[in-house]
Amino acid sequence: MIPAFGSLLLLLQVAASTELGYRFTLPDGFVPLPAARAQADVVDCWTEGSGGLLLCVQRLHGTLGREGMRQADLPGPAQLVHFKWRGFDLDGVRTDTAESGNPIVIFAAQVPLRREAIQLIASGPRDQAARVEAVLTATLTSLEGETNWLTPEQRSGRMGNIVGVAIGLGLVLIVARMLRARRAAAT
């Protein structure tokens, strides 16, 4: 009986969306915050009661290209940061702001999922910035989903195929010219 109960607990700690094509493990102590879904494009949100941290998934209504963000593209207080996901360097943003007079920090990472890109957002008290960033990093580590980005190996493989086809076409053209030249010399 205990193993089934343990499996049930694991199921309750996983966030997933079949529509957007992702799945990740929720950090310990986070519980659903349904009211946050009222925010524009927020798919789901969780809160950590004890530390006041918040973790949300926001849809981006499209896919992400490989060109990165630039600091100059961000609004004033936002800082460009980077996160790792499945060997990719993801663009992210850190914003130090205030909510109801309390200083908070917000970290956001844009994830290039195949169906539709999402943004993972973690926020909390500014004096817990390292912990907020760690929550986002841990969530990214557990995030599963198909991406529209190619790994360096996949890009190399495709480039190798393109080069192989180009070389093959070049050889065909050379052989065709040689055959024409022989025919012309024979007549």
Foldseek 3Di string as FASTA:
>chain_A
DVVVVVVVVQVQQKDDDPQQFKIWGAPPQWDWDVVVVVPPQWPTKTARVPFGKIKTKGFDAAFDDPDADDQVVDDDQKDWDWADAPRDIWIKIWGWDDDPRFIKIKIWTWAGAPNTIMIMIMMGGPVCVVVSVVSVNNRRHGMDGHGPDDDPVRVVVVVVVVVVVVVVVVVVVVVVVVVVVVVVVVD
